[in-house]
Amino acid sequence: MTKPTTLKTFLWFDGNLGEALEFYAATFANFVLHSSGRPEADGKLMTSEFSIHGHEFIVSTNPAKSAYAWAALRKMKKIIIQDFIEQ
């Protein structure tokens, strides 16, 4: 028997990812932050995963502004494709 596919919504923010996460946390009582990444020297939030009402989201800052974000997008793409293949 195959596992059901889990779809995740991908959101892209233009440099204001931290503000968006704060908004979602304040707006939705069941907001759950699963992970976040601040790999750049300035500590700017670049990627995150969270859920609202059980629906999962993958979010990123505009990669045109960061070389790391491009690498993170490629990695997420590989993970999503591999997860889909394994199901």
PDB file of N, CA and C in Angstrom:
ATOM      1  N   MET A   1       0.843  -1.177   0.000  1.00  0.00           N
ATOM      2  CA  MET A   1       0.000   0.000   0.000  1.00  0.00           C
ATOM      3  C   MET A   1       0.893   1.248   0.000  1.00  0.00           C
ATOM      4  N   THR A   2       0.581   2.190  -0.836  1.00  0.00           N
ATOM      5  CA  THR A   2       1.381   3.415  -0.913  1.00  0.00           C
ATOM      6  C   THR A   2       0.884   4.446   0.101  1.00  0.00           C
ATOM      7  N   LYS A   3       1.826   5.256   0.566  1.00  0.00           N
ATOM      8  CA  LYS A   3       1.467   6.333   1.486  1.00  0.00           C
ATOM      9  C   LYS A   3       0.826   7.466   0.694  1.00  0.00           C
ATOM     10  N   PRO A   4      -0.128   8.161   1.303  1.00  0.00           N
ATOM     11  CA  PRO A   4      -0.710   9.309   0.603  1.00  0.00           C
ATOM     12  C   PRO A   4       0.340  10.418   0.444  1.00  0.00           C
ATOM     13  N   THR A   5       0.224  11.145  -0.630  1.00  0.00           N
ATOM     14  CA  THR A   5       1.147  12.245  -0.906  1.00  0.00           C
ATOM     15  C   THR A   5       0.812  13.433  -0.012  1.00  0.00           C
ATOM     16  N   THR A   6       1.827  14.019   0.570  1.00  0.00           N
ATOM     17  CA  THR A   6       1.652  15.225   1.365  1.00  0.00           C
ATOM     18  C   THR A   6       2.078  16.414   0.522  1.00  0.00           C
ATOM     19  N   LEU A   7       1.149  17.307   0.276  1.00  0.00           N
ATOM     20  CA  LEU A   7       1.466  18.501  -0.499  1.00  0.00           C
ATOM     21  C   LEU A   7       1.830  19.633   0.447  1.00  0.00           C
ATOM     22  N   LYS A   8       2.865  20.367   0.098  1.00  0.00           N
ATOM     23  CA  LYS A   8       3.296  21.518   0.874  1.00  0.00           C
ATOM     24  C   LYS A   8       3.229  22.748  -0.019  1.00  0.00           C
ATOM     25  N   THR A   9       2.731  23.818   0.529  1.00  0.00           N
ATOM     26  CA  THR A   9       2.659  25.073  -0.205  1.00  0.00           C
ATOM     27  C   THR A   9       3.987  25.802  -0.066  1.00  0.00           C
ATOM     28  N   PHE A  10       4.516  26.285  -1.185  1.00  0.00           N
ATOM     29  CA  PHE A  10       5.767  27.050  -1.175  1.00  0.00           C
ATOM     30  C   PHE A  10       5.433  28.532  -1.271  1.00  0.00           C
ATOM     31  N   LEU A  11       5.942  29.309  -0.325  1.00  0.00           N
ATOM     32  CA  LEU A  11       5.748  30.755  -0.328  1.00  0.00           C
ATOM     33  C   LEU A  11       7.098  31.445  -0.463  1.00  0.00           C
ATOM     34  N   TRP A  12       7.096  32.573  -1.138  1.00  0.00           N
ATOM     35  CA  TRP A  12       8.319  33.303  -1.410  1.00  0.00           C
ATOM     36  C   TRP A  12       8.118  34.750  -0.966  1.00  0.00           C
ATOM     37  N   PHE A  13       8.973  35.226  -0.079  1.00  0.00           N
ATOM     38  CA  PHE A  13       8.855  36.580   0.440  1.00  0.00           C
ATOM     39  C   PHE A  13      10.047  37.413  -0.005  1.00  0.00           C
ATOM     40  N   ASP A  14       9.788  38.668  -0.274  1.00  0.00           N
ATOM     41  CA  ASP A  14      10.830  39.563  -0.774  1.00  0.00           C
ATOM     42  C   ASP A  14      11.522  40.292   0.380  1.00  0.00           C
ATOM     43  N   GLY A  15      12.324  39.532   1.130  1.00  0.00           N
ATOM     44  CA  GLY A  15      13.123  40.134   2.186  1.00  0.00           C
ATOM     45  C   GLY A  15      12.415  40.355   3.507  1.00  0.00           C
ATOM     46  N   ASN A  16      11.153  39.962   3.638  1.00  0.00           N
ATOM     47  CA  ASN A  16      10.426  40.213   4.876  1.00  0.00           C
ATOM     48  C   ASN A  16       9.880  38.924   5.488  1.00  0.00           C
ATOM     49  N   LEU A  17      10.622  37.842   5.381  1.00  0.00           N
ATOM     50  CA  LEU A  17      10.166  36.547   5.878  1.00  0.00           C
ATOM     51  C   LEU A  17       9.922  36.568   7.377  1.00  0.00           C
ATOM     52  N   GLY A  18      10.808  37.193   8.141  1.00  0.00           N
ATOM     53  CA  GLY A  18      10.625  37.266   9.585  1.00  0.00           C
ATOM     54  C   GLY A  18       9.323  37.953   9.968  1.00  0.00           C
ATOM     55  N   GLU A  19       9.006  39.052   9.294  1.00  0.00           N
ATOM     56  CA  GLU A  19       7.754  39.767   9.546  1.00  0.00           C
ATOM     57  C   GLU A  19       6.551  38.903   9.199  1.00  0.00           C
ATOM     58  N   ALA A  20       6.636  38.161   8.108  1.00  0.00           N
ATOM     59  CA  ALA A  20       5.526  37.300   7.704  1.00  0.00           C
ATOM     60  C   ALA A  20       5.280  36.213   8.750  1.00  0.00           C
ATOM     61  N   LEU A  21       6.364  35.594   9.249  1.00  0.00           N
ATOM     62  CA  LEU A  21       6.201  34.556  10.267  1.00  0.00           C
ATOM     63  C   LEU A  21       5.591  35.122  11.547  1.00  0.00           C
ATOM     64  N   GLU A  22       6.015  36.320  11.938  1.00  0.00           N
ATOM     65  CA  GLU A  22       5.427  36.965  13.115  1.00  0.00           C
ATOM     66  C   GLU A  22       3.941  37.217  12.907  1.00  0.00           C
ATOM     67  N   PHE A  23       3.558  37.640  11.702  1.00  0.00           N
ATOM     68  CA  PHE A  23       2.149  37.871  11.384  1.00  0.00           C
ATOM     69  C   PHE A  23       1.350  36.575  11.483  1.00  0.00           C
ATOM     70  N   TYR A  24       1.845  35.499  10.861  1.00  0.00           N
ATOM     71  CA  TYR A  24       1.134  34.221  10.912  1.00  0.00           C
ATOM     72  C   TYR A  24       1.006  33.718  12.346  1.00  0.00           C
ATOM     73  N   ALA A  25       2.069  33.849  13.142  1.00  0.00           N
ATOM     74  CA  ALA A  25       2.040  33.397  14.539  1.00  0.00           C
ATOM     75  C   ALA A  25       1.003  34.186  15.345  1.00  0.00           C
ATOM     76  N   ALA A  26       0.878  35.481  15.077  1.00  0.00           N
ATOM     77  CA  ALA A  26      -0.083  36.316  15.794  1.00  0.00           C
ATOM     78  C   ALA A  26      -1.513  36.100  15.311  1.00  0.00           C
ATOM     79  N   THR A  27      -1.669  35.687  14.057  1.00  0.00           N
ATOM     80  CA  THR A  27      -2.990  35.560  13.451  1.00  0.00           C
ATOM     81  C   THR A  27      -3.622  34.194  13.674  1.00  0.00           C
ATOM     82  N   PHE A  28      -2.828  33.135  13.610  1.00  0.00           N
ATOM     83  CA  PHE A  28      -3.353  31.777  13.702  1.00  0.00           C
ATOM     84  C   PHE A  28      -2.907  31.126  15.012  1.00  0.00           C
ATOM     85  N   ALA A  29      -3.868  30.764  15.840  1.00  0.00           N
ATOM     86  CA  ALA A  29      -3.563  30.171  17.147  1.00  0.00           C
ATOM     87  C   ALA A  29      -2.814  28.849  17.018  1.00  0.00           C
ATOM     88  N   ASN A  30      -3.043  28.131  15.931  1.00  0.00           N
ATOM     89  CA  ASN A  30      -2.392  26.818  15.772  1.00  0.00           C
ATOM     90  C   ASN A  30      -1.193  26.860  14.816  1.00  0.00           C
ATOM     91  N   PHE A  31      -0.567  28.024  14.678  1.00  0.00           N
ATOM     92  CA  PHE A  31       0.664  28.166  13.897  1.00  0.00           C
ATOM     93  C   PHE A  31       1.775  27.396  14.609  1.00  0.00           C
ATOM     94  N   VAL A  32       2.476  26.528  13.862  1.00  0.00           N
ATOM     95  CA  VAL A  32       3.591  25.761  14.434  1.00  0.00           C
ATOM     96  C   VAL A  32       4.811  25.965  13.541  1.00  0.00           C
ATOM     97  N   LEU A  33       5.873  26.524  14.108  1.00  0.00           N
ATOM     98  CA  LEU A  33       7.133  26.702  13.387  1.00  0.00           C
ATOM     99  C   LEU A  33       7.946  25.428  13.532  1.00  0.00           C
ATOM    100  N   HIS A  34       8.283  24.789  12.408  1.00  0.00           N
ATOM    101  CA  HIS A  34       9.027  23.532  12.434  1.00  0.00           C
ATOM    102  C   HIS A  34      10.533  23.749  12.301  1.00  0.00           C
ATOM    103  N   SER A  35      10.945  24.695  11.480  1.00  0.00           N
ATOM    104  CA  SER A  35      12.372  24.964  11.310  1.00  0.00           C
ATOM    105  C   SER A  35      12.556  26.336  10.673  1.00  0.00           C
ATOM    106  N   SER A  36      13.758  26.876  10.855  1.00  0.00           N
ATOM    107  CA  SER A  36      14.104  28.136  10.199  1.00  0.00           C
ATOM    108  C   SER A  36      15.613  28.203  10.063  1.00  0.00           C
ATOM    109  N   GLY A  37      16.065  28.939   9.053  1.00  0.00           N
ATOM    110  CA  GLY A  37      17.494  29.028   8.787  1.00  0.00           C
ATOM    111  C   GLY A  37      17.972  30.454   8.644  1.00  0.00           C
ATOM    112  N   ARG A  38      19.068  30.749   9.347  1.00  0.00           N
ATOM    113  CA  ARG A  38      19.710  32.073   9.281  1.00  0.00           C
ATOM    114  C   ARG A  38      21.186  31.875   8.947  1.00  0.00           C
ATOM    115  N   PRO A  39      21.498  31.427   7.750  1.00  0.00           N
ATOM    116  CA  PRO A  39      22.879  31.083   7.433  1.00  0.00           C
ATOM    117  C   PRO A  39      23.794  32.247   7.092  1.00  0.00           C
ATOM    118  N   GLU A  40      23.233  33.387   6.821  1.00  0.00           N
ATOM    119  CA  GLU A  40      24.072  34.493   6.381  1.00  0.00           C
ATOM    120  C   GLU A  40      24.690  35.221   7.572  1.00  0.00           C
ATOM    121  N   ALA A  41      25.805  35.891   7.349  1.00  0.00           N
ATOM    122  CA  ALA A  41      26.539  36.576   8.414  1.00  0.00           C
ATOM    123  C   ALA A  41      25.682  37.623   9.127  1.00  0.00           C
ATOM    124  N   ASP A  42      24.763  38.243   8.393  1.00  0.00           N
ATOM    125  CA  ASP A  42      23.930  39.278   9.010  1.00  0.00           C
ATOM    126  C   ASP A  42      22.783  38.696   9.825  1.00  0.00           C
ATOM    127  N   GLY A  43      22.639  37.374   9.834  1.00  0.00           N
ATOM    128  CA  GLY A  43      21.606  36.724  10.633  1.00  0.00           C
ATOM    129  C   GLY A  43      20.209  36.836  10.061  1.00  0.00           C
ATOM    130  N   LYS A  44      20.091  37.255   8.825  1.00  0.00           N
ATOM    131  CA  LYS A  44      18.785  37.417   8.190  1.00  0.00           C
ATOM    132  C   LYS A  44      18.126  36.052   7.975  1.00  0.00           C
ATOM    133  N   LEU A  45      16.853  35.962   8.304  1.00  0.00           N
ATOM    134  CA  LEU A  45      16.104  34.724   8.120  1.00  0.00           C
ATOM    135  C   LEU A  45      15.925  34.449   6.631  1.00  0.00           C
ATOM    136  N   MET A  46      16.330  33.259   6.195  1.00  0.00           N
ATOM    137  CA  MET A  46      16.289  32.933   4.769  1.00  0.00           C
ATOM    138  C   MET A  46      15.255  31.865   4.427  1.00  0.00           C
ATOM    139  N   THR A  47      15.104  30.841   5.270  1.00  0.00           N
ATOM    140  CA  THR A  47      14.166  29.756   4.981  1.00  0.00           C
ATOM    141  C   THR A  47      13.427  29.363   6.245  1.00  0.00           C
ATOM    142  N   SER A  48      12.273  28.743   6.050  1.00  0.00           N
ATOM    143  CA  SER A  48      11.502  28.281   7.193  1.00  0.00           C
ATOM    144  C   SER A  48      10.479  27.254   6.729  1.00  0.00           C
ATOM    145  N   GLU A  49      10.050  26.426   7.665  1.00  0.00           N
ATOM    146  CA  GLU A  49       8.930  25.506   7.443  1.00  0.00           C
ATOM    147  C   GLU A  49       7.994  25.646   8.624  1.00  0.00           C
ATOM    148  N   PHE A  50       6.686  25.730   8.326  1.00  0.00           N
ATOM    149  CA  PHE A  50       5.701  25.849   9.389  1.00  0.00           C
ATOM    150  C   PHE A  50       4.391  25.215   8.933  1.00  0.00           C
ATOM    151  N   SER A  51       3.464  25.094   9.876  1.00  0.00           N
ATOM    152  CA  SER A  51       2.143  24.582   9.520  1.00  0.00           C
ATOM    153  C   SER A  51       1.068  25.433  10.183  1.00  0.00           C
ATOM    154  N   ILE A  52      -0.066  25.491   9.522  1.00  0.00           N
ATOM    155  CA  ILE A  52      -1.268  26.152  10.029  1.00  0.00           C
ATOM    156  C   ILE A  52      -2.421  25.195   9.775  1.00  0.00           C
ATOM    157  N   HIS A  53      -3.173  24.876  10.801  1.00  0.00           N
ATOM    158  CA  HIS A  53      -4.273  23.911  10.690  1.00  0.00           C
ATOM    159  C   HIS A  53      -3.803  22.601  10.061  1.00  0.00           C
ATOM    160  N   GLY A  54      -2.561  22.223  10.322  1.00  0.00           N
ATOM    161  CA  GLY A  54      -2.023  20.972   9.802  1.00  0.00           C
ATOM    162  C   GLY A  54      -1.504  21.048   8.374  1.00  0.00           C
ATOM    163  N   HIS A  55      -1.752  22.149   7.682  1.00  0.00           N
ATOM    164  CA  HIS A  55      -1.231  22.304   6.313  1.00  0.00           C
ATOM    165  C   HIS A  55       0.195  22.817   6.398  1.00  0.00           C
ATOM    166  N   GLU A  56       1.107  22.162   5.693  1.00  0.00           N
ATOM    167  CA  GLU A  56       2.527  22.510   5.781  1.00  0.00           C
ATOM    168  C   GLU A  56       2.944  23.511   4.704  1.00  0.00           C
ATOM    169  N   PHE A  57       3.825  24.415   5.110  1.00  0.00           N
ATOM    170  CA  PHE A  57       4.347  25.450   4.224  1.00  0.00           C
ATOM    171  C   PHE A  57       5.872  25.417   4.248  1.00  0.00           C
ATOM    172  N   ILE A  58       6.476  25.643   3.099  1.00  0.00           N
ATOM    173  CA  ILE A  58       7.912  25.850   2.957  1.00  0.00           C
ATOM    174  C   ILE A  58       8.053  27.276   2.462  1.00  0.00           C
ATOM    175  N   VAL A  59       8.884  28.068   3.131  1.00  0.00           N
ATOM    176  CA  VAL A  59       8.998  29.473   2.748  1.00  0.00           C
ATOM    177  C   VAL A  59      10.460  29.879   2.576  1.00  0.00           C
ATOM    178  N   SER A  60      10.668  30.863   1.725  1.00  0.00           N
ATOM    179  CA  SER A  60      12.020  31.341   1.454  1.00  0.00           C
ATOM    180  C   SER A  60      11.988  32.832   1.164  1.00  0.00           C
ATOM    181  N   THR A  61      13.115  33.466   1.430  1.00  0.00           N
ATOM    182  CA  THR A  61      13.318  34.853   1.039  1.00  0.00           C
ATOM    183  C   THR A  61      13.701  34.866  -0.438  1.00  0.00           C
ATOM    184  N   ASN A  62      13.428  35.943  -1.118  1.00  0.00           N
ATOM    185  CA  ASN A  62      13.732  36.096  -2.537  1.00  0.00           C
ATOM    186  C   ASN A  62      15.187  35.702  -2.825  1.00  0.00           C
ATOM    187  N   PRO A  63      15.405  34.631  -3.585  1.00  0.00           N
ATOM    188  CA  PRO A  63      16.768  34.172  -3.837  1.00  0.00           C
ATOM    189  C   PRO A  63      17.587  35.107  -4.713  1.00  0.00           C
ATOM    190  N   ALA A  64      16.953  36.038  -5.376  1.00  0.00           N
ATOM    191  CA  ALA A  64      17.722  36.990  -6.179  1.00  0.00           C
ATOM    192  C   ALA A  64      18.612  37.839  -5.276  1.00  0.00           C
ATOM    193  N   LYS A  65      18.296  37.872  -4.002  1.00  0.00           N
ATOM    194  CA  LYS A  65      19.052  38.688  -3.056  1.00  0.00           C
ATOM    195  C   LYS A  65      20.049  37.871  -2.250  1.00  0.00           C
ATOM    196  N   SER A  66      20.131  36.555  -2.486  1.00  0.00           N
ATOM    197  CA  SER A  66      21.019  35.733  -1.676  1.00  0.00           C
ATOM    198  C   SER A  66      21.461  34.483  -2.420  1.00  0.00           C
ATOM    199  N   ALA A  67      22.755  34.248  -2.456  1.00  0.00           N
ATOM    200  CA  ALA A  67      23.270  33.014  -3.069  1.00  0.00           C
ATOM    201  C   ALA A  67      22.841  31.804  -2.255  1.00  0.00           C
ATOM    202  N   TYR A  68      22.772  31.959  -0.919  1.00  0.00           N
ATOM    203  CA  TYR A  68      22.341  30.832  -0.079  1.00  0.00           C
ATOM    204  C   TYR A  68      20.927  30.400  -0.426  1.00  0.00           C
ATOM    205  N   ALA A  69      20.028  31.360  -0.651  1.00  0.00           N
ATOM    206  CA  ALA A  69      18.639  31.012  -0.931  1.00  0.00           C
ATOM    207  C   ALA A  69      18.532  30.167  -2.197  1.00  0.00           C
ATOM    208  N   TRP A  70      19.341  30.454  -3.217  1.00  0.00           N
ATOM    209  CA  TRP A  70      19.324  29.620  -4.423  1.00  0.00           C
ATOM    210  C   TRP A  70      19.717  28.190  -4.079  1.00  0.00           C
ATOM    211  N   ALA A  71      20.753  28.028  -3.258  1.00  0.00           N
ATOM    212  CA  ALA A  71      21.188  26.687  -2.846  1.00  0.00           C
ATOM    213  C   ALA A  71      20.094  26.005  -2.035  1.00  0.00           C
ATOM    214  N   ALA A  72      19.427  26.756  -1.160  1.00  0.00           N
ATOM    215  CA  ALA A  72      18.347  26.192  -0.353  1.00  0.00           C
ATOM    216  C   ALA A  72      17.184  25.744  -1.230  1.00  0.00           C
ATOM    217  N   LEU A  73      16.858  26.535  -2.253  1.00  0.00           N
ATOM    218  CA  LEU A  73      15.767  26.157  -3.168  1.00  0.00           C
ATOM    219  C   LEU A  73      16.102  24.872  -3.915  1.00  0.00           C
ATOM    220  N   ARG A  74      17.349  24.744  -4.378  1.00  0.00           N
ATOM    221  CA  ARG A  74      17.752  23.520  -5.080  1.00  0.00           C
ATOM    222  C   ARG A  74      17.652  22.325  -4.144  1.00  0.00           C
ATOM    223  N   LYS A  75      18.074  22.502  -2.894  1.00  0.00           N
ATOM    224  CA  LYS A  75      18.014  21.418  -1.912  1.00  0.00           C
ATOM    225  C   LYS A  75      16.558  21.029  -1.626  1.00  0.00           C
ATOM    226  N   MET A  76      15.685  22.028  -1.437  1.00  0.00           N
ATOM    227  CA  MET A  76      14.275  21.739  -1.184  1.00  0.00           C
ATOM    228  C   MET A  76      13.659  20.999  -2.365  1.00  0.00           C
ATOM    229  N   LYS A  77      14.016  21.401  -3.572  1.00  0.00           N
ATOM    230  CA  LYS A  77      13.486  20.749  -4.768  1.00  0.00           C
ATOM    231  C   LYS A  77      13.880  19.268  -4.772  1.00  0.00           C
ATOM    232  N   LYS A  78      15.154  18.979  -4.460  1.00  0.00           N
ATOM    233  CA  LYS A  78      15.613  17.592  -4.423  1.00  0.00           C
ATOM    234  C   LYS A  78      14.886  16.803  -3.346  1.00  0.00           C
ATOM    235  N   ILE A  79      14.694  17.394  -2.171  1.00  0.00           N
ATOM    236  CA  ILE A  79      14.004  16.712  -1.073  1.00  0.00           C
ATOM    237  C   ILE A  79      12.563  16.422  -1.453  1.00  0.00           C
ATOM    238  N   ILE A  80      11.883  17.403  -2.021  1.00  0.00           N
ATOM    239  CA  ILE A  80      10.479  17.221  -2.405  1.00  0.00           C
ATOM    240  C   ILE A  80      10.352  16.132  -3.461  1.00  0.00           C
ATOM    241  N   ILE A  81      11.220  16.153  -4.474  1.00  0.00           N
ATOM    242  CA  ILE A  81      11.169  15.140  -5.530  1.00  0.00           C
ATOM    243  C   ILE A  81      11.471  13.763  -4.965  1.00  0.00           C
ATOM    244  N   GLN A  82      12.507  13.654  -4.119  1.00  0.00           N
ATOM    245  CA  GLN A  82      12.847  12.365  -3.520  1.00  0.00           C
ATOM    246  C   GLN A  82      11.718  11.841  -2.651  1.00  0.00           C
ATOM    247  N   ASP A  83      11.088  12.712  -1.867  1.00  0.00           N
ATOM    248  CA  ASP A  83       9.966  12.324  -1.018  1.00  0.00           C
ATOM    249  C   ASP A  83       8.814  11.794  -1.870  1.00  0.00           C
ATOM    250  N   PHE A  84       8.564  12.464  -2.995  1.00  0.00           N
ATOM    251  CA  PHE A  84       7.487  12.036  -3.893  1.00  0.00           C
ATOM    252  C   PHE A  84       7.804  10.660  -4.496  1.00  0.00           C
ATOM    253  N   ILE A  85       9.041  10.453  -4.904  1.00  0.00           N
ATOM    254  CA  ILE A  85       9.449   9.167  -5.498  1.00  0.00           C
ATOM    255  C   ILE A  85       9.295   8.029  -4.493  1.00  0.00           C
ATOM    256  N   GLU A  86       9.688   8.289  -3.245  1.00  0.00           N
ATOM    257  CA  GLU A  86       9.636   7.252  -2.212  1.00  0.00           C
ATOM    258  C   GLU A  86       8.218   6.884  -1.824  1.00  0.00           C
ATOM    259  N   GLN A  87       7.283   7.772  -2.065  1.00  0.00           N
ATOM    260  CA  GLN A  87       5.890   7.476  -1.721  1.00  0.00           C
ATOM    261  C   GLN A  87       5.294   6.653  -2.811  1.00  0.00           C
TER     262      GLN A  87
END
